[in-house]
Amino acid sequence: MFAAPPSLELETFSVLPDVFRMKGRRSDWADVNKSGQFLHSFLEGPAFDRDGILHVVDIPFGRIFRVDGSGTWELAAEYDGEPNGLAFHADGRLFIADYKHGILQMDRSGAISPVLSRVRAERFRGCNDLTFDTRGNLYFTDQGQSGHHDPSGRVYRLSAEGQLDCLLANIPSPNGLVLNQAETILYLSVTRANAVWRLPLLEGGRLTSKVGTFLQLSGSLGGPDGLAMDKEDGLVVAHSGLAVWLFDRLGEPSLRLRPQTGPFTTNVAFGIHDPSNLYVTEASSGTILRAAMPKPGRSLFSHS
């Protein structure tokens, strides 16, 4: 539909140290989601705290890492879980979308506690990612093993007051999600459909209507995973298997970011103290990649 956009190469910011790489250890998550492979890690869920420290998860081994500005890693937590997505509340608490346990939170000491483990006395299928709006309402995806064969994945909204609403319940693999700047639209990765959906929000975000496809993508290794939004409502899509893409607010591709480490670009986050820098988790190599994003109106290849 569109001509290929300009392309930039992602640079390596930091690599998971050998001391944290698992060797010869199986996991329940990898048995199901990675055909029983023995993984060293599977990085996802990048999120920055208010001090600019990057946090990432290792899904199969229940670990959360802190990575400082120099690229030094620290194990923040290790527990019996499968953390998939991270998001910081405005008060500094770290919330976790855990595939095994639902929605959790972690304090500065690394202590993990439950926030929401069931809905109407039923367990979630497998929570994947989450994001906050400026009012403290939490949106999250419940993916499990849903797909075209079983389009029953869900998107929920947990209000700041504790009310839980299901916005959508017929999704073939809901994954990453992000709000536009006005917080009137929720964009949703639908991995098994190789698409990004657009969910208009009504009644302060409690309802959605006229849900449609914003992007229809391609690729065979995975599909759209993590999402991020820039200040111009440009949508960044981490496609697990087909690089990282930037689309403008109308859906036209404007940039492709190519990893040299491996194909599984799982998620993305803009820096806090350096918001022009985009950080990317690449799971196959256990690497955090980075790219300086062009400023609006400036040529990608300008040196001025």
C-alpha atoms as a PDB file:
ATOM      1  CA  MET A   1       0.000   0.000   0.000  1.00  0.00           C
ATOM      2  CA  PHE A   2       2.867   2.360   0.886  1.00  0.00           C
ATOM      3  CA  ALA A   3       6.446   2.717  -0.284  1.00  0.00           C
ATOM      4  CA  ALA A   4       9.056   1.357   2.098  1.00  0.00           C
ATOM      5  CA  PRO A   5       9.955   4.008   4.706  1.00  0.00           C
ATOM      6  CA  PRO A   6      13.514   5.082   5.567  1.00  0.00           C
ATOM      7  CA  SER A   7      15.423   2.568   7.650  1.00  0.00           C
ATOM      8  CA  LEU A   8      17.795   2.965  10.586  1.00  0.00           C
ATOM      9  CA  GLU A   9      19.850   0.396  12.466  1.00  0.00           C
ATOM     10  CA  LEU A  10      19.216  -0.083  16.175  1.00  0.00           C
ATOM     11  CA  GLU A  11      22.355   0.164  18.308  1.00  0.00           C
ATOM     12  CA  THR A  12      23.148  -1.985  21.327  1.00  0.00           C
ATOM     13  CA  PHE A  13      22.552  -0.228  24.633  1.00  0.00           C
ATOM     14  CA  SER A  14      23.196  -3.150  26.993  1.00  0.00           C
ATOM     15  CA  VAL A  15      23.335  -6.956  26.967  1.00  0.00           C
ATOM     16  CA  LEU A  16      22.111  -9.282  29.702  1.00  0.00           C
ATOM     17  CA  PRO A  17      25.287 -10.322  31.596  1.00  0.00           C
ATOM     18  CA  ASP A  18      26.358 -13.960  31.488  1.00  0.00           C
ATOM     19  CA  VAL A  19      25.862 -14.284  35.244  1.00  0.00           C
ATOM     20  CA  PHE A  20      22.112 -13.800  34.703  1.00  0.00           C
ATOM     21  CA  ARG A  21      21.776 -16.139  31.716  1.00  0.00           C
ATOM     22  CA  MET A  22      20.080 -19.436  32.502  1.00  0.00           C
ATOM     23  CA  LYS A  23      21.754 -22.543  31.108  1.00  0.00           C
ATOM     24  CA  GLY A  24      20.002 -25.871  30.565  1.00  0.00           C
ATOM     25  CA  ARG A  25      16.949 -24.947  32.606  1.00  0.00           C
ATOM     26  CA  ARG A  26      13.426 -25.561  31.330  1.00  0.00           C
ATOM     27  CA  SER A  27      10.369 -23.533  32.219  1.00  0.00           C
ATOM     28  CA  ASP A  28       6.631 -24.105  32.016  1.00  0.00           C
ATOM     29  CA  TRP A  29       6.207 -20.903  29.979  1.00  0.00           C
ATOM     30  CA  ALA A  30       8.784 -21.950  27.378  1.00  0.00           C
ATOM     31  CA  ASP A  31       7.337 -25.464  27.193  1.00  0.00           C
ATOM     32  CA  VAL A  32       4.078 -23.989  25.898  1.00  0.00           C
ATOM     33  CA  ASN A  33       5.069 -20.726  24.207  1.00  0.00           C
ATOM     34  CA  LYS A  34       8.476 -21.642  22.773  1.00  0.00           C
ATOM     35  CA  SER A  35       8.038 -25.345  21.928  1.00  0.00           C
ATOM     36  CA  GLY A  36      10.047 -26.481  24.933  1.00  0.00           C
ATOM     37  CA  GLN A  37      13.233 -24.585  24.085  1.00  0.00           C
ATOM     38  CA  PHE A  38      15.852 -24.112  26.787  1.00  0.00           C
ATOM     39  CA  LEU A  39      16.035 -20.329  26.973  1.00  0.00           C
ATOM     40  CA  HIS A  40      18.699 -18.164  28.597  1.00  0.00           C
ATOM     41  CA  SER A  41      15.981 -15.516  29.149  1.00  0.00           C
ATOM     42  CA  PHE A  42      13.128 -13.828  27.321  1.00  0.00           C
ATOM     43  CA  LEU A  43      13.204 -10.072  27.835  1.00  0.00           C
ATOM     44  CA  GLU A  44      10.043  -7.976  27.633  1.00  0.00           C
ATOM     45  CA  GLY A  45       8.172  -5.109  29.246  1.00  0.00           C
ATOM     46  CA  PRO A  46      10.611  -2.148  29.287  1.00  0.00           C
ATOM     47  CA  ALA A  47       9.489   0.658  31.602  1.00  0.00           C
ATOM     48  CA  PHE A  48      11.331   3.630  33.139  1.00  0.00           C
ATOM     49  CA  ASP A  49      10.866   4.798  36.715  1.00  0.00           C
ATOM     50  CA  ARG A  50      10.862   8.477  37.681  1.00  0.00           C
ATOM     51  CA  ASP A  51      14.654   8.352  38.225  1.00  0.00           C
ATOM     52  CA  GLY A  52      15.251   7.166  34.678  1.00  0.00           C
ATOM     53  CA  ILE A  53      16.130   3.578  35.622  1.00  0.00           C
ATOM     54  CA  LEU A  54      14.956   1.058  33.038  1.00  0.00           C
ATOM     55  CA  HIS A  55      13.115  -2.032  34.257  1.00  0.00           C
ATOM     56  CA  VAL A  56      12.655  -5.150  32.114  1.00  0.00           C
ATOM     57  CA  VAL A  57      11.188  -8.601  32.751  1.00  0.00           C
ATOM     58  CA  ASP A  58      12.438 -12.106  32.038  1.00  0.00           C
ATOM     59  CA  ILE A  59       9.190 -13.994  31.501  1.00  0.00           C
ATOM     60  CA  PRO A  60      10.098 -17.704  31.823  1.00  0.00           C
ATOM     61  CA  PHE A  61      12.220 -17.340  34.963  1.00  0.00           C
ATOM     62  CA  GLY A  62      10.130 -14.854  36.939  1.00  0.00           C
ATOM     63  CA  ARG A  63      12.734 -12.099  37.073  1.00  0.00           C
ATOM     64  CA  ILE A  64      12.638  -8.310  36.974  1.00  0.00           C
ATOM     65  CA  PHE A  65      15.843  -6.389  36.278  1.00  0.00           C
ATOM     66  CA  ARG A  66      16.888  -2.780  36.749  1.00  0.00           C
ATOM     67  CA  VAL A  67      19.280  -1.313  34.175  1.00  0.00           C
ATOM     68  CA  ASP A  68      20.857   2.075  34.895  1.00  0.00           C
ATOM     69  CA  GLY A  69      21.993   4.723  32.426  1.00  0.00           C
ATOM     70  CA  SER A  70      25.412   3.122  32.048  1.00  0.00           C
ATOM     71  CA  GLY A  71      23.851  -0.225  31.111  1.00  0.00           C
ATOM     72  CA  THR A  72      24.592  -1.952  34.443  1.00  0.00           C
ATOM     73  CA  TRP A  73      22.131  -4.690  35.404  1.00  0.00           C
ATOM     74  CA  GLU A  74      20.697  -5.425  38.842  1.00  0.00           C
ATOM     75  CA  LEU A  75      18.298  -8.227  39.757  1.00  0.00           C
ATOM     76  CA  ALA A  76      15.355  -6.438  41.369  1.00  0.00           C
ATOM     77  CA  ALA A  77      13.111  -9.454  41.965  1.00  0.00           C
ATOM     78  CA  GLU A  78      12.914 -13.191  41.335  1.00  0.00           C
ATOM     79  CA  TYR A  79       9.707 -15.017  42.193  1.00  0.00           C
ATOM     80  CA  ASP A  80       7.406 -17.874  41.169  1.00  0.00           C
ATOM     81  CA  GLY A  81       5.703 -16.072  38.332  1.00  0.00           C
ATOM     82  CA  GLU A  82       5.814 -15.144  34.663  1.00  0.00           C
ATOM     83  CA  PRO A  83       6.081 -11.334  34.471  1.00  0.00           C
ATOM     84  CA  ASN A  84       5.227 -10.134  30.987  1.00  0.00           C
ATOM     85  CA  GLY A  85       4.542  -6.380  31.057  1.00  0.00           C
ATOM     86  CA  LEU A  86       5.463  -3.461  33.333  1.00  0.00           C
ATOM     87  CA  ALA A  87       4.029  -0.005  33.957  1.00  0.00           C
ATOM     88  CA  PHE A  88       4.727   2.602  36.629  1.00  0.00           C
ATOM     89  CA  HIS A  89       1.917   4.320  38.497  1.00  0.00           C
ATOM     90  CA  ALA A  90       2.307   8.063  39.039  1.00  0.00           C
ATOM     91  CA  ASP A  91       2.990   7.383  42.732  1.00  0.00           C
ATOM     92  CA  GLY A  92       6.052   5.297  41.821  1.00  0.00           C
ATOM     93  CA  ARG A  93       4.639   1.801  42.275  1.00  0.00           C
ATOM     94  CA  LEU A  94       5.591  -0.758  39.633  1.00  0.00           C
ATOM     95  CA  PHE A  95       2.656  -2.772  38.284  1.00  0.00           C
ATOM     96  CA  ILE A  96       3.205  -6.141  36.589  1.00  0.00           C
ATOM     97  CA  ALA A  97       1.082  -8.027  34.089  1.00  0.00           C
ATOM     98  CA  ASP A  98       1.950 -11.573  35.093  1.00  0.00           C
ATOM     99  CA  TYR A  99       0.976 -14.421  32.769  1.00  0.00           C
ATOM    100  CA  LYS A 100       0.610 -16.783  35.716  1.00  0.00           C
ATOM    101  CA  HIS A 101      -0.808 -14.644  38.531  1.00  0.00           C
ATOM    102  CA  GLY A 102      -2.682 -11.680  37.019  1.00  0.00           C
ATOM    103  CA  ILE A 103      -1.891  -8.095  38.003  1.00  0.00           C
ATOM    104  CA  LEU A 104       0.806  -7.665  40.659  1.00  0.00           C
ATOM    105  CA  GLN A 105       2.842  -4.826  42.100  1.00  0.00           C
ATOM    106  CA  MET A 106       6.449  -4.538  43.284  1.00  0.00           C
ATOM    107  CA  ASP A 107       7.869  -2.134  45.865  1.00  0.00           C
ATOM    108  CA  ARG A 108      11.403  -0.719  45.901  1.00  0.00           C
ATOM    109  CA  SER A 109      12.669  -3.658  47.975  1.00  0.00           C
ATOM    110  CA  GLY A 110      11.552  -6.121  45.284  1.00  0.00           C
ATOM    111  CA  ALA A 111       8.632  -7.489  47.312  1.00  0.00           C
ATOM    112  CA  ILE A 112       5.807  -8.720  45.069  1.00  0.00           C
ATOM    113  CA  SER A 113       2.146  -8.505  46.103  1.00  0.00           C
ATOM    114  CA  PRO A 114      -1.165  -9.183  44.303  1.00  0.00           C
ATOM    115  CA  VAL A 115      -3.398  -6.434  42.943  1.00  0.00           C
ATOM    116  CA  LEU A 116      -5.948  -8.384  40.919  1.00  0.00           C
ATOM    117  CA  SER A 117      -5.765 -12.145  40.435  1.00  0.00           C
ATOM    118  CA  ARG A 118      -9.336 -13.016  39.466  1.00  0.00           C
ATOM    119  CA  VAL A 119     -12.435 -11.598  37.808  1.00  0.00           C
ATOM    120  CA  ARG A 120     -15.810 -12.884  38.997  1.00  0.00           C
ATOM    121  CA  ALA A 121     -14.014 -15.681  40.867  1.00  0.00           C
ATOM    122  CA  GLU A 122     -12.269 -16.857  37.658  1.00  0.00           C
ATOM    123  CA  ARG A 123      -8.547 -16.706  36.963  1.00  0.00           C
ATOM    124  CA  PHE A 124      -7.249 -14.693  34.054  1.00  0.00           C
ATOM    125  CA  ARG A 125      -6.117 -16.591  30.960  1.00  0.00           C
ATOM    126  CA  GLY A 126      -2.662 -15.010  30.968  1.00  0.00           C
ATOM    127  CA  CYS A 127      -2.124 -11.278  31.405  1.00  0.00           C
ATOM    128  CA  ASN A 128       0.281  -9.761  28.918  1.00  0.00           C
ATOM    129  CA  ASP A 129       0.723  -5.978  29.051  1.00  0.00           C
ATOM    130  CA  LEU A 130      -0.617  -2.883  30.766  1.00  0.00           C
ATOM    131  CA  THR A 131      -0.644   0.911  30.700  1.00  0.00           C
ATOM    132  CA  PHE A 132      -1.919   3.775  32.886  1.00  0.00           C
ATOM    133  CA  ASP A 133      -3.766   6.911  31.867  1.00  0.00           C
ATOM    134  CA  THR A 134      -3.106  10.228  33.592  1.00  0.00           C
ATOM    135  CA  ARG A 135      -6.035   9.688  35.985  1.00  0.00           C
ATOM    136  CA  GLY A 136      -4.568   6.463  37.338  1.00  0.00           C
ATOM    137  CA  ASN A 137      -6.849   4.074  35.468  1.00  0.00           C
ATOM    138  CA  LEU A 138      -5.122   0.863  34.409  1.00  0.00           C
ATOM    139  CA  TYR A 139      -5.710  -0.835  31.043  1.00  0.00           C
ATOM    140  CA  PHE A 140      -4.413  -4.372  30.575  1.00  0.00           C
ATOM    141  CA  THR A 141      -4.637  -7.327  28.220  1.00  0.00           C
ATOM    142  CA  ASP A 142      -5.555 -10.917  29.050  1.00  0.00           C
ATOM    143  CA  GLN A 143      -4.109 -12.965  26.194  1.00  0.00           C
ATOM    144  CA  GLY A 144      -3.557 -16.543  27.261  1.00  0.00           C
ATOM    145  CA  GLN A 145      -3.407 -18.902  24.272  1.00  0.00           C
ATOM    146  CA  SER A 146      -6.077 -17.060  22.280  1.00  0.00           C
ATOM    147  CA  GLY A 147      -5.813 -16.726  18.500  1.00  0.00           C
ATOM    148  CA  HIS A 148      -7.910 -17.117  15.379  1.00  0.00           C
ATOM    149  CA  HIS A 149      -8.844 -20.594  16.602  1.00  0.00           C
ATOM    150  CA  ASP A 150     -10.112 -19.118  19.881  1.00  0.00           C
ATOM    151  CA  PRO A 151     -10.722 -15.343  19.655  1.00  0.00           C
ATOM    152  CA  SER A 152     -11.504 -14.899  23.325  1.00  0.00           C
ATOM    153  CA  GLY A 153      -8.717 -12.630  24.557  1.00  0.00           C
ATOM    154  CA  ARG A 154      -9.791  -9.586  26.556  1.00  0.00           C
ATOM    155  CA  VAL A 155      -8.946  -5.985  27.349  1.00  0.00           C
ATOM    156  CA  TYR A 156      -9.801  -4.725  30.825  1.00  0.00           C
ATOM    157  CA  ARG A 157      -9.858  -1.350  32.543  1.00  0.00           C
ATOM    158  CA  LEU A 158      -9.270  -1.182  36.295  1.00  0.00           C
ATOM    159  CA  SER A 159     -10.330   2.263  37.481  1.00  0.00           C
ATOM    160  CA  ALA A 160      -8.361   4.234  40.040  1.00  0.00           C
ATOM    161  CA  GLU A 161     -11.282   3.546  42.408  1.00  0.00           C
ATOM    162  CA  GLY A 162     -11.055  -0.206  41.883  1.00  0.00           C
ATOM    163  CA  GLN A 163     -13.890  -0.854  39.419  1.00  0.00           C
ATOM    164  CA  LEU A 164     -13.099  -3.470  36.790  1.00  0.00           C
ATOM    165  CA  ASP A 165     -14.656  -3.239  33.308  1.00  0.00           C
ATOM    166  CA  CYS A 166     -14.150  -5.523  30.329  1.00  0.00           C
ATOM    167  CA  LEU A 167     -13.812  -3.303  27.241  1.00  0.00           C
ATOM    168  CA  LEU A 168     -13.523  -6.066  24.659  1.00  0.00           C
ATOM    169  CA  ALA A 169     -13.766  -9.864  24.837  1.00  0.00           C
ATOM    170  CA  ASN A 170     -13.448 -11.255  21.314  1.00  0.00           C
ATOM    171  CA  ILE A 171      -9.769 -10.734  20.499  1.00  0.00           C
ATOM    172  CA  PRO A 172      -7.426 -13.257  18.812  1.00  0.00           C
ATOM    173  CA  SER A 173      -4.372 -12.606  21.020  1.00  0.00           C
ATOM    174  CA  PRO A 174      -4.407  -9.117  22.623  1.00  0.00           C
ATOM    175  CA  ASN A 175      -0.895  -7.977  23.471  1.00  0.00           C
ATOM    176  CA  GLY A 176       0.675  -4.511  23.828  1.00  0.00           C
ATOM    177  CA  LEU A 177      -1.471  -1.437  24.293  1.00  0.00           C
ATOM    178  CA  VAL A 178      -0.998   2.330  24.439  1.00  0.00           C
ATOM    179  CA  LEU A 179      -3.152   5.459  24.630  1.00  0.00           C
ATOM    180  CA  ASN A 180      -3.004   8.422  22.300  1.00  0.00           C
ATOM    181  CA  GLN A 181      -1.978  11.764  23.803  1.00  0.00           C
ATOM    182  CA  ALA A 182      -5.584  12.883  24.319  1.00  0.00           C
ATOM    183  CA  GLU A 183      -6.440   9.519  25.944  1.00  0.00           C
ATOM    184  CA  THR A 184      -9.450   9.135  23.680  1.00  0.00           C
ATOM    185  CA  ILE A 185      -8.145   6.117  21.742  1.00  0.00           C
ATOM    186  CA  LEU A 186      -6.542   2.907  22.939  1.00  0.00           C
ATOM    187  CA  TYR A 187      -4.315   1.161  20.395  1.00  0.00           C
ATOM    188  CA  LEU A 188      -4.010  -2.592  20.779  1.00  0.00           C
ATOM    189  CA  SER A 189      -1.611  -5.132  19.269  1.00  0.00           C
ATOM    190  CA  VAL A 190      -3.497  -8.229  18.118  1.00  0.00           C
ATOM    191  CA  THR A 191      -0.589 -10.560  17.573  1.00  0.00           C
ATOM    192  CA  ARG A 192      -2.178 -13.603  15.926  1.00  0.00           C
ATOM    193  CA  ALA A 193      -4.153 -11.379  13.546  1.00  0.00           C
ATOM    194  CA  ASN A 194      -0.946  -9.474  12.659  1.00  0.00           C
ATOM    195  CA  ALA A 195      -2.824  -6.247  13.279  1.00  0.00           C
ATOM    196  CA  VAL A 196      -3.126  -3.191  15.484  1.00  0.00           C
ATOM    197  CA  TRP A 197      -6.693  -2.326  16.473  1.00  0.00           C
ATOM    198  CA  ARG A 198      -8.087   1.117  17.311  1.00  0.00           C
ATOM    199  CA  LEU A 199     -10.453   1.294  20.307  1.00  0.00           C
ATOM    200  CA  PRO A 200     -12.291   4.637  20.692  1.00  0.00           C
ATOM    201  CA  LEU A 201     -12.917   5.264  24.395  1.00  0.00           C
ATOM    202  CA  LEU A 202     -16.247   6.493  25.770  1.00  0.00           C
ATOM    203  CA  GLU A 203     -17.474   7.577  29.218  1.00  0.00           C
ATOM    204  CA  GLY A 204     -14.012   8.408  30.491  1.00  0.00           C
ATOM    205  CA  GLY A 205     -12.564   5.154  29.186  1.00  0.00           C
ATOM    206  CA  ARG A 206     -15.142   2.752  30.620  1.00  0.00           C
ATOM    207  CA  LEU A 207     -16.557   1.717  27.235  1.00  0.00           C
ATOM    208  CA  THR A 208     -15.458   1.329  23.642  1.00  0.00           C
ATOM    209  CA  SER A 209     -17.371   1.388  20.370  1.00  0.00           C
ATOM    210  CA  LYS A 210     -16.705   1.201  16.627  1.00  0.00           C
ATOM    211  CA  VAL A 211     -13.507  -0.799  17.161  1.00  0.00           C
ATOM    212  CA  GLY A 212     -11.555  -1.113  13.933  1.00  0.00           C
ATOM    213  CA  THR A 213      -8.258  -2.176  12.400  1.00  0.00           C
ATOM    214  CA  PHE A 214      -5.707   0.634  12.402  1.00  0.00           C
ATOM    215  CA  LEU A 215      -2.839  -1.362  10.854  1.00  0.00           C
ATOM    216  CA  GLN A 216      -2.796  -4.658   8.981  1.00  0.00           C
ATOM    217  CA  LEU A 217       0.714  -6.089   9.056  1.00  0.00           C
ATOM    218  CA  SER A 218       2.443  -9.261   7.835  1.00  0.00           C
ATOM    219  CA  GLY A 219       5.143 -11.731   8.825  1.00  0.00           C
ATOM    220  CA  SER A 220       5.359 -15.336   9.960  1.00  0.00           C
ATOM    221  CA  LEU A 221       7.595 -15.455  13.069  1.00  0.00           C
ATOM    222  CA  GLY A 222       5.321 -13.519  15.382  1.00  0.00           C
ATOM    223  CA  GLY A 223       3.354 -10.324  15.047  1.00  0.00           C
ATOM    224  CA  PRO A 224       2.917  -6.888  16.606  1.00  0.00           C
ATOM    225  CA  ASP A 225       3.865  -6.988  20.272  1.00  0.00           C
ATOM    226  CA  GLY A 226       4.734  -3.929  22.375  1.00  0.00           C
ATOM    227  CA  LEU A 227       3.567  -0.404  21.505  1.00  0.00           C
ATOM    228  CA  ALA A 228       4.657   3.138  22.366  1.00  0.00           C
ATOM    229  CA  MET A 229       3.287   6.566  21.447  1.00  0.00           C
ATOM    230  CA  ASP A 230       5.391   9.627  20.638  1.00  0.00           C
ATOM    231  CA  LYS A 231       4.423  13.247  21.330  1.00  0.00           C
ATOM    232  CA  GLU A 232       2.973  13.642  17.830  1.00  0.00           C
ATOM    233  CA  ASP A 233       0.688  10.602  18.194  1.00  0.00           C
ATOM    234  CA  GLY A 234       3.069   8.552  16.103  1.00  0.00           C
ATOM    235  CA  LEU A 235       2.696   4.871  16.944  1.00  0.00           C
ATOM    236  CA  VAL A 236       5.782   2.720  17.497  1.00  0.00           C
ATOM    237  CA  VAL A 237       5.172  -0.985  16.888  1.00  0.00           C
ATOM    238  CA  ALA A 238       7.596  -3.680  18.020  1.00  0.00           C
ATOM    239  CA  HIS A 239       6.897  -6.491  15.585  1.00  0.00           C
ATOM    240  CA  SER A 240       8.291  -9.715  17.003  1.00  0.00           C
ATOM    241  CA  GLY A 241       9.833 -11.126  13.858  1.00  0.00           C
ATOM    242  CA  LEU A 242       9.822  -8.087  11.555  1.00  0.00           C
ATOM    243  CA  ALA A 243      11.687  -5.170  13.243  1.00  0.00           C
ATOM    244  CA  VAL A 244      10.336  -2.006  14.851  1.00  0.00           C
ATOM    245  CA  TRP A 245       8.148   0.417  12.903  1.00  0.00           C
ATOM    246  CA  LEU A 246       6.974   3.995  13.349  1.00  0.00           C
ATOM    247  CA  PHE A 247       3.599   4.969  11.867  1.00  0.00           C
ATOM    248  CA  ASP A 248       2.167   8.485  11.812  1.00  0.00           C
ATOM    249  CA  ARG A 249      -1.218   9.261  13.364  1.00  0.00           C
ATOM    250  CA  LEU A 250      -2.958   8.366  10.086  1.00  0.00           C
ATOM    251  CA  GLY A 251      -1.256   4.969   9.849  1.00  0.00           C
ATOM    252  CA  GLU A 252       1.381   5.683   7.201  1.00  0.00           C
ATOM    253  CA  PRO A 253       4.795   4.077   7.888  1.00  0.00           C
ATOM    254  CA  SER A 254       7.503   6.693   8.400  1.00  0.00           C
ATOM    255  CA  LEU A 255      10.480   4.732   9.769  1.00  0.00           C
ATOM    256  CA  ARG A 256      11.782   1.195  10.189  1.00  0.00           C
ATOM    257  CA  LEU A 257      14.297   0.331  12.918  1.00  0.00           C
ATOM    258  CA  ARG A 258      16.319  -2.780  12.142  1.00  0.00           C
ATOM    259  CA  PRO A 259      17.871  -4.982  14.848  1.00  0.00           C
ATOM    260  CA  GLN A 260      21.161  -6.698  14.081  1.00  0.00           C
ATOM    261  CA  THR A 261      21.035  -8.999  17.100  1.00  0.00           C
ATOM    262  CA  GLY A 262      17.978 -11.128  16.303  1.00  0.00           C
ATOM    263  CA  PRO A 263      14.388 -10.953  15.065  1.00  0.00           C
ATOM    264  CA  PHE A 264      12.392 -10.940  18.318  1.00  0.00           C
ATOM    265  CA  THR A 265      11.886  -7.254  19.062  1.00  0.00           C
ATOM    266  CA  THR A 266       9.306  -7.711  21.793  1.00  0.00           C
ATOM    267  CA  ASN A 267       8.636  -4.276  23.273  1.00  0.00           C
ATOM    268  CA  VAL A 268       9.553  -0.590  23.250  1.00  0.00           C
ATOM    269  CA  ALA A 269       9.723   2.398  25.600  1.00  0.00           C
ATOM    270  CA  PHE A 270      10.820   6.011  25.297  1.00  0.00           C
ATOM    271  CA  GLY A 271      13.385   7.249  27.791  1.00  0.00           C
ATOM    272  CA  ILE A 272      12.335   9.518  30.666  1.00  0.00           C
ATOM    273  CA  HIS A 273      15.349  11.824  30.813  1.00  0.00           C
ATOM    274  CA  ASP A 274      16.142  11.301  27.121  1.00  0.00           C
ATOM    275  CA  PRO A 275      12.665  11.088  25.529  1.00  0.00           C
ATOM    276  CA  SER A 276      14.033  11.229  21.987  1.00  0.00           C
ATOM    277  CA  ASN A 277      15.679   7.840  22.562  1.00  0.00           C
ATOM    278  CA  LEU A 278      13.660   4.686  22.013  1.00  0.00           C
ATOM    279  CA  TYR A 279      14.649   1.517  23.880  1.00  0.00           C
ATOM    280  CA  VAL A 280      13.818  -1.943  22.514  1.00  0.00           C
ATOM    281  CA  THR A 281      14.001  -5.407  24.078  1.00  0.00           C
ATOM    282  CA  GLU A 282      15.271  -8.088  21.684  1.00  0.00           C
ATOM    283  CA  ALA A 283      14.522 -11.409  23.338  1.00  0.00           C
ATOM    284  CA  SER A 284      16.507 -13.930  21.271  1.00  0.00           C
ATOM    285  CA  SER A 285      19.856 -12.332  22.181  1.00  0.00           C
ATOM    286  CA  GLY A 286      18.931 -10.898  25.578  1.00  0.00           C
ATOM    287  CA  THR A 287      19.775  -7.382  24.406  1.00  0.00           C
ATOM    288  CA  ILE A 288      18.382  -3.913  25.004  1.00  0.00           C
ATOM    289  CA  LEU A 289      18.675  -1.875  21.826  1.00  0.00           C
ATOM    290  CA  ARG A 290      18.371   1.869  21.352  1.00  0.00           C
ATOM    291  CA  ALA A 291      17.759   4.436  18.618  1.00  0.00           C
ATOM    292  CA  ALA A 292      17.672   8.227  18.558  1.00  0.00           C
ATOM    293  CA  MET A 293      14.314   9.062  16.999  1.00  0.00           C
ATOM    294  CA  PRO A 294      14.140  11.952  14.522  1.00  0.00           C
ATOM    295  CA  LYS A 295      12.493  15.169  15.641  1.00  0.00           C
ATOM    296  CA  PRO A 296       9.274  16.119  13.851  1.00  0.00           C
ATOM    297  CA  GLY A 297       9.998  17.923  10.617  1.00  0.00           C
ATOM    298  CA  ARG A 298      13.671  16.988  10.547  1.00  0.00           C
ATOM    299  CA  SER A 299      15.170  14.687   7.935  1.00  0.00           C
ATOM    300  CA  LEU A 300      16.235  11.299   9.224  1.00  0.00           C
ATOM    301  CA  PHE A 301      19.618  11.797   7.622  1.00  0.00           C
ATOM    302  CA  SER A 302      20.229  15.433   8.574  1.00  0.00           C
ATOM    303  CA  HIS A 303      23.526  16.144  10.341  1.00  0.00           C
ATOM    304  CA  SER A 304      22.649  19.688  11.308  1.00  0.00           C
END
